[in-house]
Amino acid sequence: MKSIKENSVKTRRQFAETFKREAVQIWLASGKSAEVIAQELGLHADRLYAWKKPGSVADLQSQLDTALRENRHLREQRDILKKR
């Protein structure tokens, strides 16, 4: 009879590219640490850091779009505060 350890096989979870991109976008746009976002998503923070590394033009464009949106939002907030 085999022991439980011999029968248990660890399998790696695989994530879709869209999930990876969205997880990184959530992390970068939130202003929270990678550890907090990873915990919320049920991941290890090192996964987010690995997924953040740009691998294609689409990834870079996505990061640029996120940064531009955040920049626009911050400018709007600044302008509102200036009017007070």
PDB file of N, CA and C in Angstrom:
ATOM      1  N   MET A   1       0.836  -1.167   0.000  1.00  0.00           N
ATOM      2  CA  MET A   1       0.000   0.000   0.000  1.00  0.00           C
ATOM      3  C   MET A   1       0.891   1.243   0.000  1.00  0.00           C
ATOM      4  N   LYS A   2       0.562   2.229  -0.868  1.00  0.00           N
ATOM      5  CA  LYS A   2       1.350   3.446  -0.977  1.00  0.00           C
ATOM      6  C   LYS A   2       0.912   4.456   0.072  1.00  0.00           C
ATOM      7  N   SER A   3       1.868   5.237   0.517  1.00  0.00           N
ATOM      8  CA  SER A   3       1.535   6.271   1.490  1.00  0.00           C
ATOM      9  C   SER A   3       0.887   7.459   0.777  1.00  0.00           C
ATOM     10  N   ILE A   4       0.308   8.325   1.549  1.00  0.00           N
ATOM     11  CA  ILE A   4      -0.357   9.503   0.987  1.00  0.00           C
ATOM     12  C   ILE A   4       0.645  10.393   0.264  1.00  0.00           C
ATOM     13  N   LYS A   5       1.842  10.509   0.806  1.00  0.00           N
ATOM     14  CA  LYS A   5       2.853  11.365   0.179  1.00  0.00           C
ATOM     15  C   LYS A   5       3.207  10.886  -1.222  1.00  0.00           C
ATOM     16  N   GLU A   6       3.240   9.608  -1.419  1.00  0.00           N
ATOM     17  CA  GLU A   6       3.584   9.069  -2.736  1.00  0.00           C
ATOM     18  C   GLU A   6       2.481   9.332  -3.747  1.00  0.00           C
ATOM     19  N   ASN A   7       1.242   9.378  -3.291  1.00  0.00           N
ATOM     20  CA  ASN A   7       0.121   9.580  -4.200  1.00  0.00           C
ATOM     21  C   ASN A   7      -0.131  11.051  -4.515  1.00  0.00           C
ATOM     22  N   SER A   8       0.282  11.924  -3.638  1.00  0.00           N
ATOM     23  CA  SER A   8       0.004  13.346  -3.874  1.00  0.00           C
ATOM     24  C   SER A   8       1.046  13.921  -4.825  1.00  0.00           C
ATOM     25  N   VAL A   9       0.550  14.550  -5.854  1.00  0.00           N
ATOM     26  CA  VAL A   9       1.414  15.173  -6.851  1.00  0.00           C
ATOM     27  C   VAL A   9       1.062  16.649  -6.901  1.00  0.00           C
ATOM     28  N   LYS A  10       2.063  17.487  -6.747  1.00  0.00           N
ATOM     29  CA  LYS A  10       1.806  18.913  -6.824  1.00  0.00           C
ATOM     30  C   LYS A  10       1.648  19.309  -8.281  1.00  0.00           C
ATOM     31  N   THR A  11       0.627  20.093  -8.529  1.00  0.00           N
ATOM     32  CA  THR A  11       0.423  20.618  -9.874  1.00  0.00           C
ATOM     33  C   THR A  11       0.545  22.126  -9.818  1.00  0.00           C
ATOM     34  N   ARG A  12       1.140  22.664 -10.828  1.00  0.00           N
ATOM     35  CA  ARG A  12       1.296  24.109 -10.918  1.00  0.00           C
ATOM     36  C   ARG A  12       0.030  24.719 -11.464  1.00  0.00           C
ATOM     37  N   ARG A  13      -0.360  25.806 -10.831  1.00  0.00           N
ATOM     38  CA  ARG A  13      -1.501  26.538 -11.372  1.00  0.00           C
ATOM     39  C   ARG A  13      -1.029  27.321 -12.580  1.00  0.00           C
ATOM     40  N   GLN A  14      -1.847  27.355 -13.581  1.00  0.00           N
ATOM     41  CA  GLN A  14      -1.526  28.129 -14.771  1.00  0.00           C
ATOM     42  C   GLN A  14      -2.524  29.269 -14.884  1.00  0.00           C
ATOM     43  N   PHE A  15      -2.035  30.427 -15.266  1.00  0.00           N
ATOM     44  CA  PHE A  15      -2.868  31.607 -15.357  1.00  0.00           C
ATOM     45  C   PHE A  15      -2.882  32.109 -16.794  1.00  0.00           C
ATOM     46  N   ALA A  16      -4.037  32.557 -17.227  1.00  0.00           N
ATOM     47  CA  ALA A  16      -4.180  33.112 -18.576  1.00  0.00           C
ATOM     48  C   ALA A  16      -3.433  34.440 -18.650  1.00  0.00           C
ATOM     49  N   GLU A  17      -2.978  34.775 -19.840  1.00  0.00           N
ATOM     50  CA  GLU A  17      -2.254  36.030 -20.038  1.00  0.00           C
ATOM     51  C   GLU A  17      -3.094  37.239 -19.644  1.00  0.00           C
ATOM     52  N   THR A  18      -4.392  37.183 -19.936  1.00  0.00           N
ATOM     53  CA  THR A  18      -5.251  38.312 -19.576  1.00  0.00           C
ATOM     54  C   THR A  18      -5.326  38.474 -18.058  1.00  0.00           C
ATOM     55  N   PHE A  19      -5.381  37.379 -17.327  1.00  0.00           N
ATOM     56  CA  PHE A  19      -5.401  37.451 -15.866  1.00  0.00           C
ATOM     57  C   PHE A  19      -4.107  38.079 -15.361  1.00  0.00           C
ATOM     58  N   LYS A  20      -2.997  37.670 -15.932  1.00  0.00           N
ATOM     59  CA  LYS A  20      -1.703  38.203 -15.504  1.00  0.00           C
ATOM     60  C   LYS A  20      -1.638  39.709 -15.728  1.00  0.00           C
ATOM     61  N   ARG A  21      -2.037  40.137 -16.938  1.00  0.00           N
ATOM     62  CA  ARG A  21      -2.006  41.567 -17.261  1.00  0.00           C
ATOM     63  C   ARG A  21      -2.922  42.357 -16.337  1.00  0.00           C
ATOM     64  N   GLU A  22      -4.137  41.845 -16.120  1.00  0.00           N
ATOM     65  CA  GLU A  22      -5.090  42.559 -15.266  1.00  0.00           C
ATOM     66  C   GLU A  22      -4.624  42.602 -13.816  1.00  0.00           C
ATOM     67  N   ALA A  23      -4.015  41.536 -13.338  1.00  0.00           N
ATOM     68  CA  ALA A  23      -3.504  41.514 -11.968  1.00  0.00           C
ATOM     69  C   ALA A  23      -2.420  42.574 -11.790  1.00  0.00           C
ATOM     70  N   VAL A  24      -1.527  42.686 -12.756  1.00  0.00           N
ATOM     71  CA  VAL A  24      -0.464  43.686 -12.685  1.00  0.00           C
ATOM     72  C   VAL A  24      -1.051  45.089 -12.792  1.00  0.00           C
ATOM     73  N   GLN A  25      -2.042  45.279 -13.667  1.00  0.00           N
ATOM     74  CA  GLN A  25      -2.674  46.590 -13.803  1.00  0.00           C
ATOM     75  C   GLN A  25      -3.362  47.003 -12.505  1.00  0.00           C
ATOM     76  N   ILE A  26      -4.053  46.065 -11.881  1.00  0.00           N
ATOM     77  CA  ILE A  26      -4.714  46.344 -10.604  1.00  0.00           C
ATOM     78  C   ILE A  26      -3.674  46.767  -9.576  1.00  0.00           C
ATOM     79  N   TRP A  27      -2.589  46.029  -9.529  1.00  0.00           N
ATOM     80  CA  TRP A  27      -1.517  46.326  -8.573  1.00  0.00           C
ATOM     81  C   TRP A  27      -0.954  47.725  -8.800  1.00  0.00           C
ATOM     82  N   LEU A  28      -0.595  48.027 -10.046  1.00  0.00           N
ATOM     83  CA  LEU A  28       0.046  49.301 -10.346  1.00  0.00           C
ATOM     84  C   LEU A  28      -0.900  50.483 -10.166  1.00  0.00           C
ATOM     85  N   ALA A  29      -2.164  50.293 -10.511  1.00  0.00           N
ATOM     86  CA  ALA A  29      -3.129  51.395 -10.412  1.00  0.00           C
ATOM     87  C   ALA A  29      -3.615  51.621  -8.984  1.00  0.00           C
ATOM     88  N   SER A  30      -3.516  50.605  -8.147  1.00  0.00           N
ATOM     89  CA  SER A  30      -4.085  50.697  -6.801  1.00  0.00           C
ATOM     90  C   SER A  30      -3.241  51.512  -5.830  1.00  0.00           C
ATOM     91  N   GLY A  31      -1.942  51.532  -6.048  1.00  0.00           N
ATOM     92  CA  GLY A  31      -1.063  52.194  -5.095  1.00  0.00           C
ATOM     93  C   GLY A  31      -0.750  51.326  -3.888  1.00  0.00           C
ATOM     94  N   LYS A  32      -1.276  50.105  -3.876  1.00  0.00           N
ATOM     95  CA  LYS A  32      -1.013  49.173  -2.777  1.00  0.00           C
ATOM     96  C   LYS A  32       0.247  48.371  -3.089  1.00  0.00           C
ATOM     97  N   SER A  33       0.765  47.726  -2.069  1.00  0.00           N
ATOM     98  CA  SER A  33       1.971  46.914  -2.271  1.00  0.00           C
ATOM     99  C   SER A  33       1.626  45.631  -3.030  1.00  0.00           C
ATOM    100  N   ALA A  34       2.637  45.052  -3.630  1.00  0.00           N
ATOM    101  CA  ALA A  34       2.447  43.792  -4.352  1.00  0.00           C
ATOM    102  C   ALA A  34       1.962  42.704  -3.405  1.00  0.00           C
ATOM    103  N   GLU A  35       2.449  42.736  -2.173  1.00  0.00           N
ATOM    104  CA  GLU A  35       2.066  41.718  -1.195  1.00  0.00           C
ATOM    105  C   GLU A  35       0.569  41.776  -0.895  1.00  0.00           C
ATOM    106  N   VAL A  36       0.036  42.990  -0.753  1.00  0.00           N
ATOM    107  CA  VAL A  36      -1.392  43.155  -0.445  1.00  0.00           C
ATOM    108  C   VAL A  36      -2.246  42.675  -1.615  1.00  0.00           C
ATOM    109  N   ILE A  37      -1.912  43.112  -2.817  1.00  0.00           N
ATOM    110  CA  ILE A  37      -2.681  42.718  -4.000  1.00  0.00           C
ATOM    111  C   ILE A  37      -2.576  41.215  -4.227  1.00  0.00           C
ATOM    112  N   ALA A  38      -1.384  40.669  -4.066  1.00  0.00           N
ATOM    113  CA  ALA A  38      -1.193  39.230  -4.257  1.00  0.00           C
ATOM    114  C   ALA A  38      -2.053  38.446  -3.274  1.00  0.00           C
ATOM    115  N   GLN A  39      -2.085  38.884  -2.042  1.00  0.00           N
ATOM    116  CA  GLN A  39      -2.902  38.193  -1.040  1.00  0.00           C
ATOM    117  C   GLN A  39      -4.380  38.268  -1.419  1.00  0.00           C
ATOM    118  N   GLU A  40      -4.823  39.440  -1.891  1.00  0.00           N
ATOM    119  CA  GLU A  40      -6.217  39.596  -2.306  1.00  0.00           C
ATOM    120  C   GLU A  40      -6.564  38.666  -3.466  1.00  0.00           C
ATOM    121  N   LEU A  41      -5.598  38.407  -4.329  1.00  0.00           N
ATOM    122  CA  LEU A  41      -5.825  37.549  -5.496  1.00  0.00           C
ATOM    123  C   LEU A  41      -5.468  36.089  -5.249  1.00  0.00           C
ATOM    124  N   GLY A  42      -4.964  35.800  -4.075  1.00  0.00           N
ATOM    125  CA  GLY A  42      -4.590  34.425  -3.757  1.00  0.00           C
ATOM    126  C   GLY A  42      -3.298  33.983  -4.420  1.00  0.00           C
ATOM    127  N   LEU A  43      -2.365  34.909  -4.543  1.00  0.00           N
ATOM    128  CA  LEU A  43      -1.085  34.640  -5.204  1.00  0.00           C
ATOM    129  C   LEU A  43       0.061  34.933  -4.252  1.00  0.00           C
ATOM    130  N   HIS A  44       1.255  34.624  -4.715  1.00  0.00           N
ATOM    131  CA  HIS A  44       2.473  35.059  -4.043  1.00  0.00           C
ATOM    132  C   HIS A  44       2.931  36.333  -4.744  1.00  0.00           C
ATOM    133  N   ALA A  45       3.478  37.258  -3.985  1.00  0.00           N
ATOM    134  CA  ALA A  45       3.900  38.550  -4.540  1.00  0.00           C
ATOM    135  C   ALA A  45       4.941  38.391  -5.638  1.00  0.00           C
ATOM    136  N   ASP A  46       5.763  37.370  -5.552  1.00  0.00           N
ATOM    137  CA  ASP A  46       6.803  37.190  -6.580  1.00  0.00           C
ATOM    138  C   ASP A  46       6.201  36.949  -7.960  1.00  0.00           C
ATOM    139  N   ARG A  47       4.996  36.428  -8.017  1.00  0.00           N
ATOM    140  CA  ARG A  47       4.309  36.239  -9.309  1.00  0.00           C
ATOM    141  C   ARG A  47       4.022  37.593  -9.947  1.00  0.00           C
ATOM    142  N   LEU A  48       3.534  38.539  -9.157  1.00  0.00           N
ATOM    143  CA  LEU A  48       3.247  39.873  -9.698  1.00  0.00           C
ATOM    144  C   LEU A  48       4.515  40.537 -10.215  1.00  0.00           C
ATOM    145  N   TYR A  49       5.594  40.417  -9.451  1.00  0.00           N
ATOM    146  CA  TYR A  49       6.862  41.002  -9.903  1.00  0.00           C
ATOM    147  C   TYR A  49       7.324  40.360 -11.215  1.00  0.00           C
ATOM    148  N   ALA A  50       7.158  39.052 -11.325  1.00  0.00           N
ATOM    149  CA  ALA A  50       7.574  38.351 -12.550  1.00  0.00           C
ATOM    150  C   ALA A  50       6.691  38.762 -13.727  1.00  0.00           C
ATOM    151  N   TRP A  51       5.397  38.898 -13.478  1.00  0.00           N
ATOM    152  CA  TRP A  51       4.471  39.268 -14.545  1.00  0.00           C
ATOM    153  C   TRP A  51       4.627  40.720 -14.959  1.00  0.00           C
ATOM    154  N   LYS A  52       5.177  41.541 -14.090  1.00  0.00           N
ATOM    155  CA  LYS A  52       5.339  42.964 -14.392  1.00  0.00           C
ATOM    156  C   LYS A  52       6.403  43.196 -15.458  1.00  0.00           C
ATOM    157  N   LYS A  53       7.364  42.308 -15.524  1.00  0.00           N
ATOM    158  CA  LYS A  53       8.438  42.487 -16.492  1.00  0.00           C
ATOM    159  C   LYS A  53       7.842  42.541 -17.897  1.00  0.00           C
ATOM    160  N   PRO A  54       8.142  43.611 -18.634  1.00  0.00           N
ATOM    161  CA  PRO A  54       7.541  43.742 -19.958  1.00  0.00           C
ATOM    162  C   PRO A  54       8.038  42.666 -20.901  1.00  0.00           C
ATOM    163  N   GLY A  55       7.112  42.072 -21.610  1.00  0.00           N
ATOM    164  CA  GLY A  55       7.488  41.012 -22.527  1.00  0.00           C
ATOM    165  C   GLY A  55       7.104  41.312 -23.957  1.00  0.00           C
ATOM    166  N   SER A  56       6.242  42.313 -24.132  1.00  0.00           N
ATOM    167  CA  SER A  56       5.814  42.597 -25.492  1.00  0.00           C
ATOM    168  C   SER A  56       5.400  44.060 -25.600  1.00  0.00           C
ATOM    169  N   VAL A  57       5.178  44.493 -26.803  1.00  0.00           N
ATOM    170  CA  VAL A  57       4.727  45.851 -27.058  1.00  0.00           C
ATOM    171  C   VAL A  57       3.359  46.066 -26.413  1.00  0.00           C
ATOM    172  N   ALA A  58       2.506  45.052 -26.449  1.00  0.00           N
ATOM    173  CA  ALA A  58       1.174  45.163 -25.853  1.00  0.00           C
ATOM    174  C   ALA A  58       1.275  45.397 -24.341  1.00  0.00           C
ATOM    175  N   ASP A  59       2.218  44.720 -23.692  1.00  0.00           N
ATOM    176  CA  ASP A  59       2.415  44.920 -22.252  1.00  0.00           C
ATOM    177  C   ASP A  59       2.863  46.347 -21.958  1.00  0.00           C
ATOM    178  N   LEU A  60       3.800  46.833 -22.747  1.00  0.00           N
ATOM    179  CA  LEU A  60       4.285  48.191 -22.553  1.00  0.00           C
ATOM    180  C   LEU A  60       3.182  49.214 -22.812  1.00  0.00           C
ATOM    181  N   GLN A  61       2.381  48.978 -23.848  1.00  0.00           N
ATOM    182  CA  GLN A  61       1.278  49.885 -24.157  1.00  0.00           C
ATOM    183  C   GLN A  61       0.255  49.886 -23.023  1.00  0.00           C
ATOM    184  N   SER A  62       0.002  48.717 -22.475  1.00  0.00           N
ATOM    185  CA  SER A  62      -0.935  48.602 -21.359  1.00  0.00           C
ATOM    186  C   SER A  62      -0.432  49.380 -20.146  1.00  0.00           C
ATOM    187  N   GLN A  63       0.844  49.277 -19.864  1.00  0.00           N
ATOM    188  CA  GLN A  63       1.424  50.009 -18.741  1.00  0.00           C
ATOM    189  C   GLN A  63       1.372  51.512 -18.991  1.00  0.00           C
ATOM    190  N   LEU A  64       1.629  51.914 -20.209  1.00  0.00           N
ATOM    191  CA  LEU A  64       1.567  53.325 -20.556  1.00  0.00           C
ATOM    192  C   LEU A  64       0.149  53.855 -20.399  1.00  0.00           C
ATOM    193  N   ASP A  65      -0.836  53.103 -20.878  1.00  0.00           N
ATOM    194  CA  ASP A  65      -2.232  53.509 -20.747  1.00  0.00           C
ATOM    195  C   ASP A  65      -2.623  53.671 -19.286  1.00  0.00           C
ATOM    196  N   THR A  66      -2.197  52.740 -18.451  1.00  0.00           N
ATOM    197  CA  THR A  66      -2.494  52.811 -17.018  1.00  0.00           C
ATOM    198  C   THR A  66      -1.861  54.053 -16.403  1.00  0.00           C
ATOM    199  N   ALA A  67      -0.622  54.325 -16.748  1.00  0.00           N
ATOM    200  CA  ALA A  67       0.075  55.491 -16.207  1.00  0.00           C
ATOM    201  C   ALA A  67      -0.577  56.796 -16.678  1.00  0.00           C
ATOM    202  N   LEU A  68      -0.990  56.847 -17.933  1.00  0.00           N
ATOM    203  CA  LEU A  68      -1.643  58.048 -18.450  1.00  0.00           C
ATOM    204  C   LEU A  68      -2.982  58.294 -17.761  1.00  0.00           C
ATOM    205  N   ARG A  69      -3.751  57.221 -17.530  1.00  0.00           N
ATOM    206  CA  ARG A  69      -5.030  57.362 -16.816  1.00  0.00           C
ATOM    207  C   ARG A  69      -4.807  57.884 -15.402  1.00  0.00           C
ATOM    208  N   GLU A  70      -3.827  57.323 -14.731  1.00  0.00           N
ATOM    209  CA  GLU A  70      -3.536  57.744 -13.368  1.00  0.00           C
ATOM    210  C   GLU A  70      -3.056  59.198 -13.347  1.00  0.00           C
ATOM    211  N   ASN A  71      -2.229  59.564 -14.295  1.00  0.00           N
ATOM    212  CA  ASN A  71      -1.730  60.928 -14.400  1.00  0.00           C
ATOM    213  C   ASN A  71      -2.887  61.907 -14.622  1.00  0.00           C
ATOM    214  N   ARG A  72      -3.802  61.554 -15.513  1.00  0.00           N
ATOM    215  CA  ARG A  72      -4.962  62.401 -15.796  1.00  0.00           C
ATOM    216  C   ARG A  72      -5.822  62.566 -14.534  1.00  0.00           C
ATOM    217  N   HIS A  73      -6.021  61.477 -13.827  1.00  0.00           N
ATOM    218  CA  HIS A  73      -6.809  61.499 -12.591  1.00  0.00           C
ATOM    219  C   HIS A  73      -6.155  62.404 -11.544  1.00  0.00           C
ATOM    220  N   LEU A  74      -4.850  62.290 -11.388  1.00  0.00           N
ATOM    221  CA  LEU A  74      -4.139  63.117 -10.424  1.00  0.00           C
ATOM    222  C   LEU A  74      -4.190  64.597 -10.789  1.00  0.00           C
ATOM    223  N   ARG A  75      -4.108  64.907 -12.079  1.00  0.00           N
ATOM    224  CA  ARG A  75      -4.219  66.300 -12.517  1.00  0.00           C
ATOM    225  C   ARG A  75      -5.601  66.860 -12.206  1.00  0.00           C
ATOM    226  N   GLU A  76      -6.632  66.037 -12.431  1.00  0.00           N
ATOM    227  CA  GLU A  76      -7.991  66.477 -12.116  1.00  0.00           C
ATOM    228  C   GLU A  76      -8.132  66.758 -10.624  1.00  0.00           C
ATOM    229  N   GLN A  77      -7.584  65.889  -9.803  1.00  0.00           N
ATOM    230  CA  GLN A  77      -7.643  66.101  -8.355  1.00  0.00           C
ATOM    231  C   GLN A  77      -6.896  67.377  -7.964  1.00  0.00           C
ATOM    232  N   ARG A  78      -5.737  67.600  -8.548  1.00  0.00           N
ATOM    233  CA  ARG A  78      -4.954  68.798  -8.264  1.00  0.00           C
ATOM    234  C   ARG A  78      -5.728  70.048  -8.645  1.00  0.00           C
ATOM    235  N   ASP A  79      -6.362  70.028  -9.826  1.00  0.00           N
ATOM    236  CA  ASP A  79      -7.117  71.187 -10.289  1.00  0.00           C
ATOM    237  C   ASP A  79      -8.302  71.486  -9.378  1.00  0.00           C
ATOM    238  N   ILE A  80      -8.951  70.454  -8.903  1.00  0.00           N
ATOM    239  CA  ILE A  80     -10.068  70.632  -7.975  1.00  0.00           C
ATOM    240  C   ILE A  80      -9.583  71.288  -6.688  1.00  0.00           C
ATOM    241  N   LEU A  81      -8.445  70.825  -6.187  1.00  0.00           N
ATOM    242  CA  LEU A  81      -7.905  71.395  -4.955  1.00  0.00           C
ATOM    243  C   LEU A  81      -7.439  72.839  -5.150  1.00  0.00           C
ATOM    244  N   LYS A  82      -6.953  73.182  -6.332  1.00  0.00           N
ATOM    245  CA  LYS A  82      -6.519  74.550  -6.607  1.00  0.00           C
ATOM    246  C   LYS A  82      -7.694  75.527  -6.577  1.00  0.00           C
ATOM    247  N   LYS A  83      -8.866  75.066  -7.008  1.00  0.00           N
ATOM    248  CA  LYS A  83     -10.045  75.928  -7.087  1.00  0.00           C
ATOM    249  C   LYS A  83     -10.611  76.274  -5.720  1.00  0.00           C
ATOM    250  N   ARG A  84     -10.240  75.548  -4.694  1.00  0.00           N
ATOM    251  CA  ARG A  84     -10.793  75.800  -3.362  1.00  0.00           C
ATOM    252  C   ARG A  84     -10.240  77.004  -2.733  1.00  0.00           C
TER     253      ARG A  84
END
